[in-house]
């Protein structure tokens, strides 16, 4: 029995598991552009705006699929390209927060007469929502759940609540 070349075998085995390299590149480019590059550009370009707020915060939407710990310990869907883009988003926000903290600290060290407010860069993962993005999937939650998570994070002045994405609710931390 003749099975064909390894390339033919790969293509016929499972198109979803073994996409063409050009399709992989296109998928990663699109997802990294939307979930990482655009977030970095927009967040950086708009930084002067939240600094004027009394308690400045910038919230980005992430996913539990962006958690390396969850990926290694929980039985969950594994679309690597989407998950990798959300891991990147989580890392971006963490490192931008460190930079923001350093910027504010440097203002104090330099004795700046006018000190700007430190912006809290937050991420929230409200679970899959029933939106155009998910094709209005039946398992998706009402988009109001995601909106509530963002609004509650923005309005949380005392930072005593954290969003528990597994339960889609807020828990008191102190």
N, C-alpha and C. Protein backbone atom coordinates (compact mmCIF):
# COMPACT_ATOMS: atom_id res chain seq x y z
N UNK A 1 0.84 -1.18 0.00
CA UNK A 1 0.00 0.00 0.00
C UNK A 1 0.88 1.24 0.00
N UNK A 2 0.55 2.15 -0.86
CA UNK A 2 1.30 3.39 -0.98
C UNK A 2 0.62 4.49 -0.19
N UNK A 3 1.38 5.18 0.64
CA UNK A 3 0.80 6.21 1.52
C UNK A 3 1.07 7.61 1.03
N UNK A 4 1.90 7.79 0.04
CA UNK A 4 2.20 9.13 -0.44
C UNK A 4 3.34 9.75 0.35
N UNK A 5 3.69 10.95 -0.03
CA UNK A 5 4.79 11.65 0.63
C UNK A 5 4.39 12.05 2.05
N UNK A 6 5.39 12.31 2.92
CA UNK A 6 5.04 12.77 4.27
C UNK A 6 4.18 14.03 4.26
N UNK A 7 4.42 14.92 3.28
CA UNK A 7 3.62 16.14 3.20
C UNK A 7 2.17 15.80 2.88
N UNK A 8 1.94 14.86 1.97
CA UNK A 8 0.57 14.45 1.65
C UNK A 8 -0.08 13.78 2.85
N UNK A 9 0.66 12.97 3.57
CA UNK A 9 0.12 12.31 4.75
C UNK A 9 -0.31 13.36 5.78
N UNK A 10 0.54 14.33 5.95
CA UNK A 10 0.25 15.37 6.95
C UNK A 10 -1.02 16.12 6.57
N UNK A 11 -1.16 16.47 5.30
CA UNK A 11 -2.34 17.24 4.86
C UNK A 11 -3.61 16.44 4.97
N UNK A 12 -3.53 15.15 4.74
CA UNK A 12 -4.74 14.33 4.77
C UNK A 12 -5.07 13.82 6.17
N UNK A 13 -4.12 13.82 7.07
CA UNK A 13 -4.36 13.29 8.42
C UNK A 13 -5.43 14.11 9.14
N UNK A 14 -5.25 15.39 9.22
CA UNK A 14 -6.22 16.26 9.88
C UNK A 14 -5.88 17.70 9.56
N UNK A 15 -6.67 18.33 8.74
CA UNK A 15 -6.37 19.72 8.38
C UNK A 15 -6.32 20.63 9.61
N UNK A 16 -7.13 20.35 10.64
CA UNK A 16 -7.14 21.21 11.82
C UNK A 16 -5.87 21.02 12.65
N UNK A 17 -5.39 19.79 12.74
CA UNK A 17 -4.20 19.54 13.54
C UNK A 17 -2.91 19.90 12.80
N UNK A 18 -2.95 19.81 11.49
CA UNK A 18 -1.73 20.03 10.72
C UNK A 18 -1.98 21.04 9.60
N UNK A 19 -2.26 22.29 9.95
CA UNK A 19 -2.49 23.28 8.89
C UNK A 19 -1.20 23.59 8.14
N UNK A 20 -1.39 24.15 6.98
CA UNK A 20 -0.24 24.56 6.18
C UNK A 20 0.53 25.66 6.92
N UNK A 21 1.85 25.72 6.77
CA UNK A 21 2.64 26.76 7.45
C UNK A 21 2.15 28.17 7.15
N UNK A 22 1.71 28.43 5.91
CA UNK A 22 1.24 29.78 5.60
C UNK A 22 -0.03 30.11 6.40
N UNK A 23 -0.88 29.11 6.64
CA UNK A 23 -2.10 29.33 7.43
C UNK A 23 -1.73 29.58 8.90
N UNK A 24 -0.73 28.87 9.38
CA UNK A 24 -0.27 29.08 10.76
C UNK A 24 0.23 30.51 10.92
N UNK A 25 1.06 30.95 9.98
CA UNK A 25 1.61 32.31 10.04
C UNK A 25 0.48 33.34 9.99
N UNK A 26 -0.48 33.16 9.12
CA UNK A 26 -1.58 34.12 9.00
C UNK A 26 -2.40 34.16 10.30
N UNK A 27 -2.67 32.99 10.87
CA UNK A 27 -3.45 32.94 12.11
C UNK A 27 -2.71 33.63 13.25
N UNK A 28 -1.44 33.30 13.43
CA UNK A 28 -0.66 33.94 14.50
C UNK A 28 -0.53 35.45 14.27
N UNK A 29 -0.26 35.85 13.03
CA UNK A 29 -0.14 37.28 12.75
C UNK A 29 -1.41 38.03 13.11
N UNK A 30 -2.55 37.48 12.74
CA UNK A 30 -3.83 38.13 13.03
C UNK A 30 -4.08 38.19 14.53
N UNK A 31 -3.94 37.05 15.21
CA UNK A 31 -4.24 37.02 16.65
C UNK A 31 -3.26 37.85 17.46
N UNK A 32 -1.98 37.81 17.12
CA UNK A 32 -1.02 38.63 17.85
C UNK A 32 -1.24 40.11 17.56
N UNK A 33 -1.64 40.44 16.36
CA UNK A 33 -1.93 41.83 16.04
C UNK A 33 -3.12 42.33 16.86
N UNK A 34 -4.20 41.56 16.90
CA UNK A 34 -5.41 41.98 17.62
C UNK A 34 -5.22 41.93 19.13
N UNK A 35 -4.69 40.84 19.64
CA UNK A 35 -4.64 40.63 21.09
C UNK A 35 -3.39 41.15 21.77
N UNK A 36 -2.39 41.54 21.01
CA UNK A 36 -1.15 41.98 21.64
C UNK A 36 -0.67 43.32 21.08
N UNK A 37 -0.38 43.37 19.81
CA UNK A 37 0.17 44.60 19.23
C UNK A 37 -0.80 45.77 19.34
N UNK A 38 -2.04 45.57 18.95
CA UNK A 38 -3.02 46.67 19.01
C UNK A 38 -3.25 47.12 20.46
N UNK A 39 -3.29 46.19 21.38
CA UNK A 39 -3.46 46.55 22.80
C UNK A 39 -2.28 47.40 23.26
N UNK A 40 -1.07 47.00 22.89
CA UNK A 40 0.12 47.76 23.28
C UNK A 40 0.09 49.17 22.70
N UNK A 41 -0.26 49.29 21.44
CA UNK A 41 -0.27 50.59 20.77
C UNK A 41 -1.36 51.49 21.37
N UNK A 42 -2.56 50.97 21.47
CA UNK A 42 -3.68 51.78 21.98
C UNK A 42 -3.45 52.16 23.44
N UNK A 43 -3.01 51.21 24.26
CA UNK A 43 -2.78 51.51 25.67
C UNK A 43 -1.70 52.57 25.84
N UNK A 44 -0.63 52.48 25.07
CA UNK A 44 0.45 53.45 25.17
C UNK A 44 0.02 54.82 24.65
N UNK A 45 -0.67 54.83 23.53
CA UNK A 45 -1.09 56.11 22.93
C UNK A 45 -2.11 56.84 23.80
N UNK A 46 -2.90 56.10 24.56
CA UNK A 46 -3.96 56.74 25.35
C UNK A 46 -3.57 57.01 26.79
N UNK A 47 -2.33 56.74 27.18
CA UNK A 47 -1.92 56.92 28.59
C UNK A 47 -2.16 58.31 29.16
N UNK A 48 -2.00 59.39 28.42
CA UNK A 48 -2.27 60.70 29.03
C UNK A 48 -3.71 60.85 29.53
N UNK A 49 -4.64 60.17 28.90
CA UNK A 49 -6.04 60.30 29.27
C UNK A 49 -6.34 59.75 30.66
N UNK A 50 -6.01 58.49 30.96
CA UNK A 50 -6.34 57.99 32.31
C UNK A 50 -5.57 58.69 33.43
N UNK A 51 -4.42 59.26 33.14
CA UNK A 51 -3.65 59.95 34.19
C UNK A 51 -4.42 61.13 34.79
N UNK A 52 -5.43 61.61 34.08
CA UNK A 52 -6.24 62.72 34.57
C UNK A 52 -7.32 62.25 35.53
N UNK A 53 -7.58 60.95 35.58
CA UNK A 53 -8.62 60.40 36.45
C UNK A 53 -8.11 60.32 37.89
N UNK A 54 -9.01 60.37 38.87
CA UNK A 54 -8.59 60.29 40.27
C UNK A 54 -7.98 58.93 40.63
N UNK A 55 -8.45 57.86 40.03
CA UNK A 55 -7.95 56.51 40.30
C UNK A 55 -7.80 55.81 38.94
N UNK A 56 -6.73 56.16 38.18
CA UNK A 56 -6.65 55.70 36.79
C UNK A 56 -6.42 54.20 36.64
N UNK A 57 -7.22 53.62 35.74
CA UNK A 57 -7.12 52.19 35.44
C UNK A 57 -7.34 51.98 33.95
N UNK A 58 -6.64 50.99 33.42
CA UNK A 58 -6.85 50.56 32.05
C UNK A 58 -7.09 49.06 32.12
N UNK A 59 -8.22 48.61 31.59
CA UNK A 59 -8.60 47.19 31.68
C UNK A 59 -8.54 46.57 30.29
N UNK A 60 -7.91 45.41 30.21
CA UNK A 60 -7.87 44.63 28.97
C UNK A 60 -8.56 43.29 29.22
N UNK A 61 -9.16 42.76 28.19
CA UNK A 61 -9.86 41.48 28.29
C UNK A 61 -8.88 40.36 27.96
N UNK A 62 -8.75 39.42 28.88
CA UNK A 62 -7.88 38.27 28.67
C UNK A 62 -8.74 37.01 28.66
N UNK A 63 -8.12 35.89 28.85
CA UNK A 63 -8.81 34.60 28.81
C UNK A 63 -8.11 33.64 29.75
N UNK A 64 -8.86 32.71 30.32
CA UNK A 64 -8.22 31.68 31.14
C UNK A 64 -7.26 30.86 30.27
N UNK A 65 -7.47 30.86 28.96
CA UNK A 65 -6.56 30.16 28.06
C UNK A 65 -5.19 30.85 28.00
N UNK A 66 -5.11 32.06 28.50
CA UNK A 66 -3.85 32.78 28.55
C UNK A 66 -3.04 32.49 29.80
N UNK A 67 -3.55 31.60 30.63
CA UNK A 67 -2.84 31.21 31.85
C UNK A 67 -2.00 29.97 31.59
N UNK A 68 -0.71 30.11 31.76
CA UNK A 68 0.18 28.95 31.58
C UNK A 68 -0.14 27.89 32.63
N UNK A 69 -0.41 28.32 33.84
CA UNK A 69 -0.76 27.37 34.91
C UNK A 69 -2.01 26.59 34.55
N UNK A 70 -3.05 27.28 34.09
CA UNK A 70 -4.28 26.57 33.70
C UNK A 70 -4.03 25.61 32.55
N UNK A 71 -3.24 26.03 31.58
CA UNK A 71 -2.98 25.19 30.41
C UNK A 71 -2.30 23.88 30.82
N UNK A 72 -1.47 23.95 31.85
CA UNK A 72 -0.74 22.76 32.28
C UNK A 72 -1.49 21.91 33.29
N UNK A 73 -2.52 22.47 33.93
CA UNK A 73 -3.17 21.74 35.02
C UNK A 73 -4.66 21.47 34.82
N UNK A 74 -5.29 22.09 33.85
CA UNK A 74 -6.73 21.91 33.67
C UNK A 74 -7.03 21.37 32.29
N UNK A 75 -8.10 20.60 32.22
CA UNK A 75 -8.55 20.08 30.94
C UNK A 75 -9.36 21.16 30.25
N UNK A 76 -8.75 21.84 29.32
CA UNK A 76 -9.41 22.94 28.63
C UNK A 76 -9.08 22.91 27.16
N UNK A 77 -9.86 23.64 26.39
CA UNK A 77 -9.59 23.72 24.95
C UNK A 77 -8.18 24.23 24.74
N UNK A 78 -7.56 23.81 23.68
CA UNK A 78 -6.17 24.17 23.47
C UNK A 78 -5.91 24.73 22.08
N UNK A 79 -6.52 25.85 21.75
CA UNK A 79 -6.13 26.49 20.49
C UNK A 79 -4.84 27.26 20.71
N UNK A 80 -3.69 26.71 20.34
CA UNK A 80 -2.41 27.32 20.69
C UNK A 80 -2.24 28.76 20.24
N UNK A 81 -2.71 29.11 19.06
CA UNK A 81 -2.49 30.48 18.57
C UNK A 81 -3.24 31.50 19.43
N UNK A 82 -4.50 31.24 19.73
CA UNK A 82 -5.28 32.16 20.57
C UNK A 82 -4.70 32.22 21.98
N UNK A 83 -4.42 31.05 22.53
CA UNK A 83 -3.86 30.99 23.89
C UNK A 83 -2.54 31.73 23.97
N UNK A 84 -1.68 31.54 22.99
CA UNK A 84 -0.38 32.21 22.99
C UNK A 84 -0.56 33.73 22.94
N UNK A 85 -1.55 34.20 22.18
CA UNK A 85 -1.77 35.65 22.11
C UNK A 85 -2.24 36.19 23.45
N UNK A 86 -3.01 35.41 24.20
CA UNK A 86 -3.48 35.87 25.51
C UNK A 86 -2.38 35.75 26.57
N UNK A 87 -1.51 34.75 26.45
CA UNK A 87 -0.33 34.69 27.32
C UNK A 87 0.51 35.95 27.09
N UNK A 88 0.66 36.31 25.83
CA UNK A 88 1.40 37.54 25.48
C UNK A 88 0.75 38.78 26.07
N UNK A 89 -0.58 38.85 26.00
CA UNK A 89 -1.30 39.99 26.57
C UNK A 89 -1.06 40.08 28.07
N UNK A 90 -1.16 38.96 28.76
CA UNK A 90 -0.95 38.95 30.22
C UNK A 90 0.47 39.41 30.55
N UNK A 91 1.45 38.92 29.80
CA UNK A 91 2.83 39.34 30.02
C UNK A 91 3.04 40.81 29.70
N UNK A 92 2.43 41.27 28.61
CA UNK A 92 2.53 42.69 28.24
C UNK A 92 2.01 43.56 29.38
N UNK A 93 0.83 43.25 29.89
CA UNK A 93 0.24 44.07 30.95
C UNK A 93 1.10 44.03 32.21
N UNK A 94 1.63 42.87 32.56
CA UNK A 94 2.49 42.78 33.75
C UNK A 94 3.73 43.65 33.59
N UNK A 95 4.38 43.56 32.44
CA UNK A 95 5.61 44.33 32.23
C UNK A 95 5.34 45.83 32.06
N UNK A 96 4.20 46.18 31.45
CA UNK A 96 3.85 47.59 31.36
C UNK A 96 3.53 48.16 32.75
N UNK A 97 2.96 47.32 33.64
CA UNK A 97 2.69 47.78 35.01
C UNK A 97 4.01 48.03 35.75
N UNK A 98 4.97 47.16 35.55
CA UNK A 98 6.29 47.37 36.16
C UNK A 98 6.89 48.68 35.65
N UNK A 99 6.79 48.93 34.35
CA UNK A 99 7.31 50.18 33.79
C UNK A 99 6.59 51.39 34.36
N UNK A 100 5.27 51.28 34.51
CA UNK A 100 4.48 52.38 35.08
C UNK A 100 4.89 52.62 36.53
N UNK A 101 5.07 51.57 37.30
CA UNK A 101 5.52 51.71 38.68
C UNK A 101 6.89 52.37 38.75
N UNK A 102 7.79 51.96 37.87
CA UNK A 102 9.13 52.56 37.82
C UNK A 102 9.05 54.05 37.45
N UNK A 103 8.18 54.39 36.51
CA UNK A 103 8.02 55.78 36.09
C UNK A 103 7.58 56.65 37.26
N UNK A 104 6.59 56.18 38.01
CA UNK A 104 6.09 56.94 39.15
C UNK A 104 7.17 57.03 40.23
N UNK A 105 7.85 55.93 40.48
CA UNK A 105 8.94 55.93 41.46
C UNK A 105 10.03 56.91 41.10
N UNK A 106 10.36 56.99 39.81
CA UNK A 106 11.40 57.91 39.36
C UNK A 106 10.98 59.36 39.56
N UNK A 107 9.70 59.65 39.38
CA UNK A 107 9.21 61.02 39.64
C UNK A 107 9.48 61.42 41.08
N UNK A 108 9.26 60.49 42.00
CA UNK A 108 9.50 60.79 43.42
C UNK A 108 10.99 60.95 43.70
N UNK A 109 11.82 60.08 43.11
CA UNK A 109 13.27 60.17 43.29
C UNK A 109 13.79 61.50 42.74
N UNK A 110 13.28 61.87 41.57
CA UNK A 110 13.73 63.11 40.92
C UNK A 110 13.16 64.36 41.59
N UNK A 111 12.21 64.18 42.50
CA UNK A 111 11.59 65.32 43.18
C UNK A 111 10.74 66.17 42.25
N UNK A 112 10.08 65.53 41.31
CA UNK A 112 9.23 66.27 40.37
C UNK A 112 8.20 67.07 41.13
N UNK A 113 8.05 68.32 40.75
CA UNK A 113 7.07 69.19 41.42
C UNK A 113 5.65 68.71 41.17
N UNK A 114 5.39 68.31 39.95
CA UNK A 114 4.06 67.82 39.61
C UNK A 114 4.15 66.32 39.31
N UNK A 115 3.64 65.53 40.23
CA UNK A 115 3.70 64.09 40.06
C UNK A 115 2.41 63.59 39.41
N UNK A 116 2.55 62.68 38.46
CA UNK A 116 1.37 62.12 37.80
C UNK A 116 0.90 60.89 38.57
N UNK A 117 -0.32 60.54 38.35
CA UNK A 117 -0.89 59.38 39.04
C UNK A 117 -0.40 58.08 38.41
N UNK A 118 -0.28 57.07 39.25
CA UNK A 118 0.09 55.74 38.76
C UNK A 118 -1.15 55.09 38.18
N UNK A 119 -1.03 54.58 36.98
CA UNK A 119 -2.14 53.89 36.32
C UNK A 119 -2.07 52.41 36.66
N UNK A 120 -3.20 51.86 37.07
CA UNK A 120 -3.30 50.42 37.30
C UNK A 120 -3.67 49.78 35.97
N UNK A 121 -2.84 48.88 35.50
CA UNK A 121 -3.10 48.16 34.25
C UNK A 121 -3.63 46.78 34.62
N UNK A 122 -4.90 46.55 34.35
CA UNK A 122 -5.59 45.35 34.80
C UNK A 122 -6.02 44.48 33.63
N UNK A 123 -6.18 43.21 33.91
CA UNK A 123 -6.75 42.28 32.94
C UNK A 123 -7.90 41.56 33.62
N UNK A 124 -8.90 41.20 32.85
CA UNK A 124 -10.02 40.43 33.36
C UNK A 124 -10.39 39.39 32.31
N UNK A 125 -10.70 38.20 32.78
CA UNK A 125 -11.11 37.11 31.90
C UNK A 125 -12.50 36.64 32.28
N UNK A 126 -13.52 37.24 31.69
CA UNK A 126 -14.89 36.94 32.12
C UNK A 126 -15.47 35.64 31.57
N UNK A 127 -14.65 34.80 30.97
CA UNK A 127 -15.06 33.54 30.35
C UNK A 127 -15.59 33.82 28.94
N UNK A 128 -15.92 32.76 28.24
CA UNK A 128 -16.44 32.90 26.88
C UNK A 128 -17.81 33.59 26.94
N UNK A 129 -17.97 34.58 26.08
CA UNK A 129 -19.22 35.32 26.03
C UNK A 129 -19.93 35.06 24.70
N UNK A 130 -21.21 35.20 24.70
CA UNK A 130 -22.02 34.98 23.50
C UNK A 130 -21.99 36.26 22.67
N UNK A 131 -20.96 36.36 21.82
CA UNK A 131 -20.76 37.55 21.00
C UNK A 131 -20.46 37.14 19.56
N UNK A 132 -20.32 38.11 18.70
CA UNK A 132 -19.94 37.85 17.31
C UNK A 132 -18.60 37.12 17.28
N UNK A 133 -17.69 37.52 18.18
CA UNK A 133 -16.35 36.93 18.22
C UNK A 133 -16.41 35.41 18.41
N UNK A 134 -17.35 34.93 19.23
CA UNK A 134 -17.47 33.49 19.49
C UNK A 134 -18.53 32.84 18.62
N UNK A 135 -19.06 33.59 17.65
CA UNK A 135 -20.12 33.05 16.81
C UNK A 135 -21.41 32.82 17.58
N UNK A 136 -21.61 33.61 18.63
CA UNK A 136 -22.79 33.49 19.50
C UNK A 136 -22.96 32.05 20.00
N UNK A 137 -21.84 31.44 20.37
CA UNK A 137 -21.82 30.05 20.83
C UNK A 137 -22.78 29.85 22.00
N UNK A 138 -23.52 28.73 21.97
CA UNK A 138 -24.50 28.45 23.01
C UNK A 138 -23.90 28.39 24.42
N UNK A 139 -22.65 27.98 24.51
CA UNK A 139 -22.02 27.87 25.83
C UNK A 139 -21.52 29.22 26.34
N UNK A 140 -21.55 30.24 25.49
CA UNK A 140 -21.10 31.57 25.90
C UNK A 140 -22.06 32.21 26.88
N UNK A 141 -21.51 33.01 27.77
CA UNK A 141 -22.32 33.73 28.75
C UNK A 141 -22.81 35.05 28.14
N UNK A 142 -23.78 35.62 28.78
CA UNK A 142 -24.32 36.91 28.34
C UNK A 142 -23.20 37.95 28.37
N UNK A 143 -23.04 38.75 27.33
CA UNK A 143 -21.99 39.78 27.32
C UNK A 143 -22.05 40.74 28.50
N UNK A 144 -23.20 40.85 29.14
CA UNK A 144 -23.32 41.72 30.32
C UNK A 144 -22.39 41.24 31.44
N UNK A 145 -22.10 39.93 31.48
CA UNK A 145 -21.19 39.39 32.49
C UNK A 145 -19.80 40.00 32.31
N UNK A 146 -19.34 40.05 31.06
CA UNK A 146 -18.04 40.64 30.77
C UNK A 146 -18.03 42.13 31.06
N UNK A 147 -19.11 42.81 30.68
CA UNK A 147 -19.20 44.24 30.94
C UNK A 147 -19.21 44.52 32.44
N UNK A 148 -19.94 43.71 33.19
CA UNK A 148 -19.98 43.90 34.65
C UNK A 148 -18.59 43.74 35.25
N UNK A 149 -17.85 42.76 34.77
CA UNK A 149 -16.50 42.54 35.30
C UNK A 149 -15.63 43.77 35.09
N UNK A 150 -15.70 44.36 33.91
CA UNK A 150 -14.90 45.54 33.62
C UNK A 150 -15.35 46.73 34.46
N UNK A 151 -16.65 46.95 34.51
CA UNK A 151 -17.19 48.08 35.29
C UNK A 151 -16.84 47.95 36.76
N UNK A 152 -16.93 46.74 37.31
CA UNK A 152 -16.62 46.56 38.73
C UNK A 152 -15.13 46.77 38.99
N UNK A 153 -14.27 46.35 38.07
CA UNK A 153 -12.84 46.60 38.25
C UNK A 153 -12.53 48.08 38.20
N UNK A 154 -13.15 48.79 37.28
CA UNK A 154 -12.91 50.22 37.18
C UNK A 154 -13.41 50.95 38.41
N UNK A 155 -14.56 50.52 38.93
CA UNK A 155 -15.15 51.19 40.08
C UNK A 155 -14.61 50.75 41.42
N UNK A 156 -13.74 49.75 41.45
CA UNK A 156 -13.20 49.21 42.70
C UNK A 156 -12.13 50.14 43.23
N UNK A 157 -12.55 51.11 44.03
CA UNK A 157 -11.62 52.13 44.54
C UNK A 157 -10.67 51.61 45.61
N UNK A 158 -11.12 50.62 46.37
CA UNK A 158 -10.30 50.16 47.50
C UNK A 158 -9.48 48.92 47.18
N UNK A 159 -9.61 48.41 45.97
CA UNK A 159 -8.89 47.20 45.54
C UNK A 159 -9.09 46.03 46.49
N UNK A 160 -10.29 45.94 47.08
CA UNK A 160 -10.58 44.84 48.00
C UNK A 160 -11.35 43.71 47.35
N UNK A 161 -11.61 43.81 46.08
CA UNK A 161 -12.33 42.76 45.38
C UNK A 161 -11.53 42.32 44.16
N UNK A 162 -11.55 41.05 43.89
CA UNK A 162 -10.94 40.51 42.69
C UNK A 162 -11.98 39.70 41.95
N UNK A 163 -11.86 39.65 40.64
CA UNK A 163 -12.82 38.91 39.84
C UNK A 163 -12.40 37.46 39.78
N UNK A 164 -13.30 36.56 40.16
CA UNK A 164 -13.07 35.13 40.09
C UNK A 164 -13.70 34.63 38.80
N UNK A 165 -12.88 34.42 37.76
CA UNK A 165 -13.44 34.09 36.47
C UNK A 165 -14.07 32.71 36.44
N UNK A 166 -13.64 31.79 37.30
CA UNK A 166 -14.24 30.46 37.28
C UNK A 166 -15.69 30.50 37.74
N UNK A 167 -16.02 31.47 38.59
CA UNK A 167 -17.38 31.58 39.08
C UNK A 167 -18.11 32.79 38.49
N UNK A 168 -17.40 33.60 37.72
CA UNK A 168 -17.97 34.83 37.16
C UNK A 168 -18.59 35.69 38.25
N UNK A 169 -17.82 35.89 39.31
CA UNK A 169 -18.29 36.74 40.39
C UNK A 169 -17.09 37.39 41.06
N UNK A 170 -17.39 38.40 41.89
CA UNK A 170 -16.34 39.09 42.61
C UNK A 170 -16.25 38.53 44.02
N UNK A 171 -15.02 38.42 44.53
CA UNK A 171 -14.79 37.95 45.89
C UNK A 171 -14.05 39.03 46.66
N UNK A 172 -14.38 39.17 47.91
CA UNK A 172 -13.70 40.12 48.78
C UNK A 172 -12.35 39.53 49.16
N UNK A 173 -11.28 40.33 49.09
CA UNK A 173 -9.94 39.82 49.41
C UNK A 173 -9.46 40.24 50.77
N UNK A 174 -10.03 41.26 51.37
CA UNK A 174 -9.61 41.71 52.71
C UNK A 174 -10.82 41.92 53.57
